[in-house]
Amino acid sequence: MRIVIGEDSALFREGLARLLADAGHEVVGKAVDAPSLLAATEEAAPDLAIIDVRMPPDHTDDGARAARQIRARHPKLGIVLLSQHIETRHSVDLVTGGRFGYLLKDRVLDVDDFLDSLRRVAAGGSALDPEVVTRLIGHRPPDDPLSTLTAREREVLALMAQGRTNVGIARRLWLTERTVEAHVSSIMAKLGLAASDEDHRRVLAVLVHLRQPGHPAHG
């Protein structure tokens, strides 16, 4: 897999590049700021871009804004935001387009899981940290359907957003597959969404719902 890295921390950038190379991937571009990231993506034609949210020149959401520009130009390119910060303004639009992941640096505890997430995104799937999903669905108006989800349903929803199957969710939460299926059906019913047999489409359906007017990501 051909990968471009957008990361201004030299130590983290080079460490990530070595990890990817050791796993058999080809790092075809390294960018220290948003403009060079855009240029590297155009020149290298990668399969995946791994991007920090906060990059020069502004050190705010430059990476997330660059990711949206990249998505607009290259809709088939996998994009993974890898950051210490959760940004919601741009990530909702990115996640609804598929081929997107959002992982938090300090919560990546297993290298194999991380590499699997990258492969899943490059193949057209999703990989979202549960904390990211919680932020996306949190602080909703009282009459919003998401506010009716139980704590367990929010856990299931977060794992769905990671791209996990019902079997995978059952193993993670120590539940039976039938119980998970019941939670998924309840979530879809409460959100007014039609259930789907395909995990990625379920994730996108749920997150499309987050784009409705009034969501904090659009504030």
Foldseek 3Di string as FASTA:
>chain_A
DEEEEEDQDPVVQVVVCVLQVVVPYHDQYYHQALVRSLVSCVVRVGLEYEWEQQGPDVRDRSRLVSVVVVCVVPVLHAYEHEYQDAAQQRVLVVLLSFLYEYYYNVPPDDSVVVVVLNVQSSVGAYAYALVNLCVLLPPDPPPQLSVPQDPVLSLLLSVLRRVDDLVRSCVVVVHDSVVSVVSLVVSCVSNVHDDDNHSRVSNSRVSVSSPPPPRPSND
